[in-house]
């Protein structure tokens, strides 16, 4: 029998019972549910609403139930609508009237909001830790390949040479911003709705500050309507997960390209590759492709909840039962993607010679040749046109800029002198980019220092409440 069955003369139809149940999803929040109930029981006893004896019995029984769930011996009743009813039904069966007093001054509305906030807060912290571990791997790979030159791209066309370390560090900064978003989501979840009851508060003398402290929240939510109806914190968590998955997807796309025969920049470990059922020679970057594909599902989880919450009047509506499945999926998927990406990057083999060979193609020195002229008084737009003609000459001859003679250069501009050869050296081109955030060896070394300093700071932040 449902815990709310007093008002009804007929039982729930078997189909609607199944259709309306959230137990298959929200039983994942069993630990948060027992945690919140223990805090509520202790507060009720402290306020004289229930006896200390009842509170002790409730606390012990809740501990037993949680241990049984974790051991896989707890029998979930398929007729229970959600985890809250499963736990409370078992509680009443075990300790009788003491268990029936637990729900005094509480509604499932503030109960589920409390459970979900506890989950989101904890899960955000776990994702922050996984984020830090992935950034550690990226930084280690950057440090291991500080002097490797690769072609930088715009529009997927060769643009200018950059250090491979510089390229990898771009992703560490993306992930650092993802860390900030996850931290913001954790902070958004860090507020206590317990005691708001169904929507209007309660006539019982509840101490919401006591449960706030007991559950490790920073503060109680000041409006009872907002307390039970707010799911912004889940949107924040899912948005953070979505953006981070987008960043991972971008890196996966590059890993997939780099591992092709056409690029040959890297070789993925066998542990992070698969073969073909028909083509014996194949080594496929399936796990990079899976991360790229899973990004769509995480973004879909976010979109689903945004549409679900659209136009909902205050306070609680059954629509909001659909808030957890996508959030749990997004968090689980992002964590798995972080772990997979860290392993894939840690075990990949980098081929510096292949990167350098490609960096010598596509006239990557063109901008520096134009700068050579500009630094000698030629207006940059004119210099740009001169170098464009030189590139056209190379295209017609099927050669590179460094294959041209001094006479070829001087045919386009008398400003060119013998030292133009220095402007064509890839290492010199890279090391000339000394501006803060540039790709020069010294600038990248400074980036690595800053990336490690931020990583250490973020590792400390994970431990904060």
Protein backbone atom coordinates (compact mmCIF):
# COMPACT_ATOMS: atom_id res chain seq x y z
CA UNK A 1 0.00 0.00 0.00
CA UNK A 2 1.28 3.46 -0.89
CA UNK A 3 2.34 5.72 1.96
CA UNK A 4 -0.14 8.32 0.70
CA UNK A 5 -3.06 5.90 0.23
CA UNK A 6 -5.37 7.27 2.94
CA UNK A 7 -7.14 9.63 0.55
CA UNK A 8 -7.77 6.95 -2.09
CA UNK A 9 -10.37 4.19 -2.28
CA UNK A 10 -8.74 2.31 -5.15
CA UNK A 11 -5.22 1.03 -5.57
CA UNK A 12 -2.90 2.25 -8.29
CA UNK A 13 -3.19 0.56 -11.67
CA UNK A 14 -0.25 -1.74 -12.32
CA UNK A 15 0.77 0.17 -15.42
CA UNK A 16 0.55 3.63 -13.84
CA UNK A 17 2.44 2.32 -10.82
CA UNK A 18 5.29 1.31 -13.11
CA UNK A 19 4.97 4.43 -15.26
CA UNK A 20 5.10 6.75 -12.27
CA UNK A 21 7.85 4.98 -10.36
CA UNK A 22 11.32 6.50 -10.13
CA UNK A 23 12.84 3.75 -7.99
CA UNK A 24 14.92 2.22 -10.81
CA UNK A 25 16.70 5.58 -11.11
CA UNK A 26 16.69 7.20 -7.69
CA UNK A 27 17.70 4.14 -5.71
CA UNK A 28 21.21 5.29 -6.64
CA UNK A 29 20.63 8.03 -4.04
CA UNK A 30 20.10 5.60 -1.15
CA UNK A 31 23.12 6.86 0.81
CA UNK A 32 21.97 10.48 0.53
CA UNK A 33 18.46 9.45 1.55
CA UNK A 34 19.57 7.71 4.73
CA UNK A 35 21.98 10.55 5.49
CA UNK A 36 19.22 13.14 5.22
CA UNK A 37 16.82 11.04 7.28
CA UNK A 38 19.34 10.58 10.08
CA UNK A 39 19.92 14.33 10.27
CA UNK A 40 16.16 14.95 10.28
CA UNK A 41 15.57 12.39 13.05
CA UNK A 42 18.35 13.82 15.21
CA UNK A 43 16.94 17.32 14.78
CA UNK A 44 13.39 16.17 15.63
CA UNK A 45 14.67 14.62 18.85
CA UNK A 46 16.70 17.71 19.75
CA UNK A 47 13.58 19.84 19.24
CA UNK A 48 11.43 17.54 21.37
CA UNK A 49 9.22 16.53 18.45
CA UNK A 50 10.09 12.84 18.83
CA UNK A 51 11.82 11.00 21.65
CA UNK A 52 15.52 10.35 21.70
CA UNK A 53 14.72 6.66 21.94
CA UNK A 54 12.79 6.82 18.67
CA UNK A 55 15.57 8.82 17.02
CA UNK A 56 18.16 6.25 18.09
CA UNK A 57 16.03 3.41 16.75
CA UNK A 58 15.54 5.24 13.47
CA UNK A 59 19.26 5.96 13.10
CA UNK A 60 20.26 2.36 13.77
CA UNK A 61 17.66 0.95 11.41
CA UNK A 62 18.67 3.37 8.67
CA UNK A 63 22.30 2.27 9.07
CA UNK A 64 21.24 -1.36 8.79
CA UNK A 65 19.19 -0.65 5.67
CA UNK A 66 22.06 1.21 4.03
CA UNK A 67 24.48 -1.62 4.78
CA UNK A 68 22.06 -4.14 3.28
CA UNK A 69 21.65 -2.04 0.12
CA UNK A 70 25.41 -1.81 -0.25
CA UNK A 71 25.77 -5.55 0.34
CA UNK A 72 23.05 -6.27 -2.22
CA UNK A 73 20.84 -8.07 0.30
CA UNK A 74 18.13 -5.43 0.63
CA UNK A 75 14.88 -6.48 -1.03
CA UNK A 76 13.42 -3.57 -2.97
CA UNK A 77 9.65 -3.80 -3.30
CA UNK A 78 8.62 -3.30 -6.93
CA UNK A 79 5.49 -1.57 -5.67
CA UNK A 80 7.51 1.19 -4.02
CA UNK A 81 7.39 4.39 -6.00
CA UNK A 82 10.84 5.70 -5.10
CA UNK A 83 13.85 5.21 -2.84
CA UNK A 84 12.25 7.31 -0.10
CA UNK A 85 9.23 5.04 0.12
CA UNK A 86 11.40 1.93 -0.06
CA UNK A 87 13.52 3.03 2.87
CA UNK A 88 10.61 4.32 4.93
CA UNK A 89 8.51 1.21 4.33
CA UNK A 90 11.40 -0.99 5.47
CA UNK A 91 11.97 1.30 8.44
CA UNK A 92 8.36 0.99 9.61
CA UNK A 93 8.38 -2.77 9.13
CA UNK A 94 11.46 -3.04 11.34
CA UNK A 95 10.81 -0.58 14.17
CA UNK A 96 7.08 0.12 13.89
CA UNK A 97 5.68 3.42 15.12
CA UNK A 98 9.12 4.94 15.68
CA UNK A 99 9.76 4.61 11.96
CA UNK A 100 6.39 6.12 11.15
CA UNK A 101 7.37 9.26 13.11
CA UNK A 102 10.40 9.98 10.90
CA UNK A 103 8.36 11.84 8.30
CA UNK A 104 7.06 14.35 10.86
CA UNK A 105 7.54 17.88 9.54
CA UNK A 106 8.91 16.60 6.24
CA UNK A 107 7.59 16.05 2.73
CA UNK A 108 9.02 13.97 -0.05
CA UNK A 109 9.37 17.30 -1.85
CA UNK A 110 12.05 18.64 0.49
CA UNK A 111 13.38 15.13 1.04
CA UNK A 112 14.11 14.48 -2.64
CA UNK A 113 15.54 17.98 -3.07
CA UNK A 114 17.89 17.30 -0.15
CA UNK A 115 18.96 13.93 -1.52
CA UNK A 116 19.58 15.37 -4.97
CA UNK A 117 21.60 18.29 -3.66
CA UNK A 118 23.75 15.99 -1.53
CA UNK A 119 24.33 13.83 -4.59
CA UNK A 120 25.15 16.76 -6.89
CA UNK A 121 27.53 18.28 -4.37
CA UNK A 122 29.41 15.01 -3.87
CA UNK A 123 29.42 14.10 -7.57
CA UNK A 124 30.73 17.52 -8.59
CA UNK A 125 33.64 17.04 -6.20
CA UNK A 126 34.42 13.63 -7.71
CA UNK A 127 34.34 15.08 -11.22
CA UNK A 128 36.67 17.87 -10.12
CA UNK A 129 39.12 15.22 -8.93
CA UNK A 130 38.90 13.34 -12.25
CA UNK A 131 39.41 16.63 -14.09
CA UNK A 132 42.61 17.29 -12.14
CA UNK A 133 43.96 13.81 -12.92
CA UNK A 134 43.41 14.33 -16.65
CA UNK A 135 45.11 17.73 -16.57
CA UNK A 136 48.06 16.10 -14.82
CA UNK A 137 48.46 13.67 -17.73
CA UNK A 138 48.25 16.48 -20.30
CA UNK A 139 50.90 18.49 -18.46
CA UNK A 140 53.18 15.45 -18.20
CA UNK A 141 52.89 14.84 -21.95
CA UNK A 142 53.58 18.51 -22.63
CA UNK A 143 56.69 18.38 -20.42
CA UNK A 144 57.88 15.22 -22.14
CA UNK A 145 57.64 16.85 -25.59
CA UNK A 146 58.60 20.46 -24.94
CA UNK A 147 60.80 20.73 -28.05
CA UNK A 148 58.54 18.92 -30.55
CA UNK A 149 57.36 21.14 -33.42
CA UNK A 150 54.10 20.49 -35.23
CA UNK A 151 52.03 22.41 -37.76
CA UNK A 152 49.41 24.66 -36.25
CA UNK A 153 46.14 24.85 -38.15
CA UNK A 154 43.35 27.21 -38.99
CA UNK A 155 40.49 25.95 -41.15
CA UNK A 156 42.35 22.59 -40.95
CA UNK A 157 45.01 24.11 -43.23
CA UNK A 158 48.67 24.50 -42.28
CA UNK A 159 49.04 27.92 -40.66
CA UNK A 160 52.10 28.44 -38.44
CA UNK A 161 54.45 26.09 -36.60
CA UNK A 162 53.79 25.57 -32.89
CA UNK A 163 55.19 23.39 -30.16
CA UNK A 164 53.24 20.20 -29.52
CA UNK A 165 53.43 21.09 -25.82
CA UNK A 166 51.74 24.41 -26.59
CA UNK A 167 48.95 22.57 -28.38
CA UNK A 168 48.38 20.18 -25.47
CA UNK A 169 48.42 23.01 -22.96
CA UNK A 170 45.52 24.64 -24.78
CA UNK A 171 43.42 21.73 -23.56
CA UNK A 172 44.68 22.05 -20.00
CA UNK A 173 43.32 25.59 -19.92
CA UNK A 174 39.99 24.42 -21.32
CA UNK A 175 39.83 21.78 -18.62
CA UNK A 176 40.83 24.33 -15.99
CA UNK A 177 37.76 26.36 -16.97
CA UNK A 178 35.72 23.15 -16.80
CA UNK A 179 37.01 22.70 -13.26
CA UNK A 180 35.73 26.17 -12.37
CA UNK A 181 32.30 25.31 -13.78
CA UNK A 182 32.20 22.08 -11.78
CA UNK A 183 33.25 23.98 -8.66
CA UNK A 184 30.44 26.48 -9.31
CA UNK A 185 27.98 23.59 -9.69
CA UNK A 186 29.17 22.16 -6.38
CA UNK A 187 28.67 25.54 -4.73
CA UNK A 188 25.20 25.88 -6.28
CA UNK A 189 24.19 22.53 -4.77
CA UNK A 190 25.54 23.51 -1.36
CA UNK A 191 22.27 24.72 0.19
CA UNK A 192 19.80 22.93 2.45
CA UNK A 193 16.12 22.55 1.43
CA UNK A 194 15.25 20.21 4.31
CA UNK A 195 12.51 21.65 6.49
CA UNK A 196 10.75 23.42 3.64
CA UNK A 197 8.25 20.51 3.76
CA UNK A 198 5.87 20.32 0.79
CA UNK A 199 6.12 23.99 -0.18
CA UNK A 200 5.17 26.30 2.71
CA UNK A 201 7.29 25.20 5.65
CA UNK A 202 5.74 23.47 8.66
CA UNK A 203 4.13 24.17 12.02
CA UNK A 204 6.62 21.93 13.83
CA UNK A 205 9.53 23.70 15.55
CA UNK A 206 12.16 22.47 13.13
CA UNK A 207 15.74 23.70 13.36
CA UNK A 208 16.81 24.01 9.75
CA UNK A 209 20.20 25.35 10.77
CA UNK A 210 20.89 22.18 12.74
CA UNK A 211 20.21 19.94 9.75
CA UNK A 212 22.24 22.30 7.60
CA UNK A 213 25.25 21.79 9.83
CA UNK A 214 24.68 18.05 10.19
CA UNK A 215 24.52 17.54 6.42
CA UNK A 216 27.48 19.78 5.65
CA UNK A 217 25.52 22.41 3.73
CA UNK A 218 26.69 26.01 3.83
CA UNK A 219 23.24 27.49 4.51
CA UNK A 220 19.52 26.71 4.49
CA UNK A 221 17.55 27.89 1.46
CA UNK A 222 15.61 30.97 2.64
CA UNK A 223 12.39 30.41 0.67
CA UNK A 224 10.41 27.19 1.06
CA UNK A 225 8.84 27.42 -2.40
CA UNK A 226 12.22 27.85 -4.02
CA UNK A 227 13.71 25.12 -1.84
CA UNK A 228 11.49 22.37 -3.25
CA UNK A 229 11.22 23.61 -6.84
CA UNK A 230 14.78 24.67 -7.66
CA UNK A 231 16.81 22.44 -9.93
CA UNK A 232 19.19 25.09 -11.20
CA UNK A 233 22.03 23.31 -9.44
CA UNK A 234 21.45 20.25 -11.61
CA UNK A 235 21.43 22.41 -14.72
CA UNK A 236 24.74 23.87 -13.55
CA UNK A 237 26.22 20.40 -13.09
CA UNK A 238 24.94 19.16 -16.44
CA UNK A 239 26.08 22.32 -18.22
CA UNK A 240 29.56 21.92 -16.74
CA UNK A 241 29.56 18.28 -17.87
CA UNK A 242 28.35 19.22 -21.35
CA UNK A 243 31.01 21.88 -21.92
CA UNK A 244 33.74 19.60 -20.65
CA UNK A 245 32.55 16.82 -22.94
CA UNK A 246 32.66 19.28 -25.84
CA UNK A 247 36.28 20.00 -25.00
CA UNK A 248 37.08 16.30 -24.79
CA UNK A 249 35.33 15.77 -28.10
CA UNK A 250 37.54 18.39 -29.76
CA UNK A 251 40.65 16.67 -28.44
CA UNK A 252 39.31 13.29 -29.54
CA UNK A 253 38.79 14.59 -33.06
CA UNK A 254 42.43 15.61 -33.16
CA UNK A 255 43.59 12.29 -31.70
CA UNK A 256 41.61 10.49 -34.39
CA UNK A 257 43.20 12.62 -37.11
CA UNK A 258 46.70 12.41 -35.63
CA UNK A 259 46.53 8.61 -35.53
CA UNK A 260 45.67 8.24 -39.23
CA UNK A 261 48.24 7.18 -41.80
CA UNK A 262 47.88 10.60 -43.42
CA UNK A 263 49.05 12.37 -40.25
CA UNK A 264 51.02 9.71 -38.37
CA UNK A 265 51.62 12.09 -35.46
CA UNK A 266 50.79 9.53 -32.75
CA UNK A 267 50.17 5.85 -32.22
CA UNK A 268 47.56 4.86 -29.69
CA UNK A 269 48.19 2.02 -27.29
CA UNK A 270 46.62 -1.32 -28.12
CA UNK A 271 44.75 -0.98 -24.83
CA UNK A 272 42.92 2.05 -26.22
CA UNK A 273 42.31 0.74 -29.74
CA UNK A 274 40.26 -1.98 -31.39
CA UNK A 275 40.52 -4.02 -34.57
CA UNK A 276 38.20 -4.94 -37.40
CA UNK A 277 36.18 -8.11 -37.77
CA UNK A 278 37.04 -8.31 -41.47
CA UNK A 279 40.19 -6.22 -42.08
CA UNK A 280 43.14 -7.71 -40.20
CA UNK A 281 45.36 -4.65 -40.58
CA UNK A 282 43.01 -2.20 -38.85
CA UNK A 283 43.77 -0.42 -35.58
CA UNK A 284 40.84 1.82 -34.82
CA UNK A 285 40.70 4.74 -32.34
CA UNK A 286 37.34 3.50 -31.07
CA UNK A 287 37.61 4.96 -27.59
CA UNK A 288 38.35 8.45 -28.87
CA UNK A 289 35.35 8.02 -31.15
CA UNK A 290 33.21 6.85 -28.22
CA UNK A 291 34.08 9.89 -26.14
CA UNK A 292 33.24 12.07 -29.13
CA UNK A 293 29.93 10.22 -29.50
CA UNK A 294 29.00 10.23 -25.83
CA UNK A 295 29.26 14.02 -25.87
CA UNK A 296 25.97 14.12 -27.78
CA UNK A 297 24.22 12.16 -25.05
CA UNK A 298 25.49 14.43 -22.27
CA UNK A 299 24.40 17.55 -24.15
CA UNK A 300 21.05 15.82 -24.72
CA UNK A 301 20.72 15.22 -20.98
CA UNK A 302 21.11 18.94 -20.38
CA UNK A 303 18.61 19.88 -23.08
CA UNK A 304 16.07 17.38 -21.72
CA UNK A 305 16.11 18.85 -18.23
CA UNK A 306 15.98 22.42 -19.51
CA UNK A 307 12.85 21.63 -21.51
CA UNK A 308 11.34 19.70 -18.59
CA UNK A 309 11.74 22.69 -16.26
CA UNK A 310 10.43 25.17 -18.81
CA UNK A 311 7.15 26.81 -17.72
CA UNK A 312 6.72 24.77 -14.52
CA UNK A 313 4.66 26.75 -12.00
CA UNK A 314 5.67 26.78 -8.33
CA UNK A 315 6.16 24.66 -6.41
CA UNK A 316 6.72 20.94 -6.97
CA UNK A 317 5.36 19.14 -10.03
CA UNK A 318 5.68 15.48 -10.95
CA UNK A 319 7.59 16.55 -14.07
CA UNK A 320 10.53 17.15 -11.77
CA UNK A 321 10.84 13.44 -11.14
CA UNK A 322 12.58 13.42 -14.54
CA UNK A 323 15.45 15.50 -13.16
CA UNK A 324 17.71 12.73 -11.92
CA UNK A 325 18.18 10.23 -14.73
CA UNK A 326 19.88 12.70 -17.04
CA UNK A 327 21.95 14.21 -14.24
CA UNK A 328 23.22 10.83 -13.09
CA UNK A 329 23.97 9.84 -16.68
CA UNK A 330 25.80 13.08 -17.47
CA UNK A 331 27.98 12.84 -14.37
CA UNK A 332 28.76 9.15 -14.87
CA UNK A 333 29.53 9.65 -18.55
CA UNK A 334 31.84 12.61 -17.98
CA UNK A 335 33.78 10.76 -15.30
CA UNK A 336 34.19 7.74 -17.56
CA UNK A 337 35.33 10.01 -20.39
CA UNK A 338 37.88 11.72 -18.13
CA UNK A 339 39.28 8.34 -17.06
CA UNK A 340 39.39 6.98 -20.61
CA UNK A 341 41.01 10.13 -21.99
CA UNK A 342 43.67 10.17 -19.27
CA UNK A 343 44.60 6.56 -20.03
CA UNK A 344 44.61 7.14 -23.77
CA UNK A 345 46.90 10.17 -23.53
CA UNK A 346 49.21 8.59 -20.97
CA UNK A 347 49.84 5.52 -23.12
CA UNK A 348 50.03 7.07 -26.60
CA UNK A 349 53.31 7.24 -28.52
CA UNK A 350 54.25 10.59 -30.06
CA UNK A 351 56.16 10.74 -33.37
CA UNK A 352 58.10 14.05 -33.41
CA UNK A 353 59.69 13.37 -36.80
CA UNK A 354 56.27 13.04 -38.47
CA UNK A 355 55.10 16.30 -36.90
CA UNK A 356 58.24 18.12 -37.99
CA UNK A 357 57.97 16.76 -41.52
CA UNK A 358 54.44 18.12 -41.83
CA UNK A 359 55.47 21.43 -40.30
CA UNK A 360 57.87 21.88 -43.23
CA UNK A 361 54.95 21.73 -45.65
CA UNK A 362 52.37 24.35 -46.44
CA UNK A 363 54.62 27.43 -46.33
CA UNK A 364 54.33 27.87 -42.55
CA UNK A 365 57.10 30.48 -42.66
CA UNK A 366 55.01 32.84 -44.80
CA UNK A 367 53.91 35.11 -41.94
CA UNK A 368 57.49 35.43 -40.73
CA UNK A 369 58.68 36.36 -44.20
CA UNK A 370 56.03 39.10 -44.28
CA UNK A 371 57.15 40.22 -40.82
CA UNK A 372 60.73 40.31 -42.12
CA UNK A 373 59.70 42.92 -44.68
CA UNK A 374 57.47 44.84 -42.28
CA UNK A 375 60.30 45.17 -39.76
CA UNK A 376 62.36 46.73 -42.53
CA UNK A 377 59.82 49.42 -43.32
CA UNK A 378 57.53 47.74 -45.84
CA UNK A 379 53.86 48.32 -44.94
CA UNK A 380 52.49 44.99 -43.75
CA UNK A 381 49.74 44.90 -46.38
CA UNK A 382 52.33 45.33 -49.10
CA UNK A 383 54.54 42.74 -47.47
CA UNK A 384 51.57 40.37 -47.32
CA UNK A 385 51.11 40.73 -51.08
CA UNK A 386 54.79 40.16 -51.79
CA UNK A 387 54.84 36.93 -49.81
CA UNK A 388 51.60 35.86 -51.46
CA UNK A 389 53.38 36.10 -54.81
CA UNK A 390 56.28 34.05 -53.43
CA UNK A 391 53.89 31.35 -52.23
CA UNK A 392 52.23 31.32 -55.64
CA UNK A 393 55.65 30.81 -57.19
CA UNK A 394 56.23 27.86 -54.87
CA UNK A 395 52.86 26.38 -55.75
CA UNK A 396 53.65 26.59 -59.46
CA UNK A 397 57.07 25.01 -58.96
CA UNK A 398 55.89 22.43 -56.46
CA UNK A 399 58.41 23.55 -53.85
CA UNK A 400 58.53 25.24 -50.43
CA UNK A 401 59.64 28.71 -49.44
CA UNK A 402 62.96 27.43 -48.15
CA UNK A 403 63.66 26.00 -51.61
CA UNK A 404 63.67 29.49 -53.19
CA UNK A 405 66.94 31.26 -53.92
CA UNK A 406 67.86 34.71 -52.70
CA UNK A 407 67.32 35.87 -56.29
CA UNK A 408 63.74 34.56 -56.17
CA UNK A 409 63.08 36.60 -53.05
CA UNK A 410 64.73 39.74 -54.39
CA UNK A 411 62.74 39.43 -57.60
CA UNK A 412 59.67 40.23 -55.51
CA UNK A 413 61.30 42.83 -53.22
CA UNK A 414 64.77 44.40 -53.10
CA UNK A 415 64.42 44.61 -49.32
CA UNK A 416 65.26 40.92 -48.99
CA UNK A 417 68.84 40.18 -48.00
CA UNK A 418 70.82 37.00 -47.39
CA UNK A 419 69.57 36.74 -43.80
CA UNK A 420 66.08 35.89 -45.12
CA UNK A 421 67.22 32.30 -44.73
CA UNK A 422 67.08 32.72 -40.96
CA UNK A 423 63.42 33.66 -41.20
CA UNK A 424 62.68 30.26 -42.74
CA UNK A 425 64.04 28.16 -39.87
CA UNK A 426 61.13 26.49 -38.04
CA UNK A 427 62.81 26.52 -34.64
CA UNK A 428 63.56 30.22 -35.00
CA UNK A 429 60.00 30.88 -36.12
CA UNK A 430 58.61 29.10 -33.07
CA UNK A 431 61.00 30.73 -30.62
CA UNK A 432 60.23 34.18 -32.01
CA UNK A 433 56.72 33.97 -30.52
CA UNK A 434 57.80 35.20 -27.10
CA UNK A 435 54.66 37.14 -26.21
CA UNK A 436 52.87 35.93 -23.09
CA UNK A 437 50.87 32.86 -24.06
CA UNK A 438 52.88 32.34 -27.23
CA UNK A 439 54.43 29.15 -28.55
CA UNK A 440 58.11 30.04 -27.98
CA UNK A 441 60.02 27.57 -25.85
CA UNK A 442 60.43 30.11 -23.05
CA UNK A 443 56.77 31.11 -23.19
CA UNK A 444 55.63 27.49 -23.07
CA UNK A 445 57.95 26.85 -20.12
CA UNK A 446 56.20 29.69 -18.30
CA UNK A 447 52.83 28.22 -19.27
CA UNK A 448 53.85 24.91 -17.75
CA UNK A 449 54.76 26.62 -14.49
CA UNK A 450 51.41 28.36 -14.36
CA UNK A 451 49.50 25.24 -15.34
CA UNK A 452 51.16 23.27 -12.54
CA UNK A 453 50.54 26.05 -10.02
CA UNK A 454 46.84 26.14 -10.93
CA UNK A 455 46.68 22.35 -10.79
CA UNK A 456 48.07 22.37 -7.24
CA UNK A 457 45.60 25.08 -6.25
CA UNK A 458 42.69 23.12 -7.70
CA UNK A 459 43.80 19.95 -5.94
CA UNK A 460 43.50 21.86 -2.67
CA UNK A 461 40.09 23.23 -3.67
CA UNK A 462 38.70 19.72 -4.10
CA UNK A 463 39.12 19.16 -0.37
CA UNK A 464 37.07 22.24 0.54
CA UNK A 465 33.44 21.73 1.63
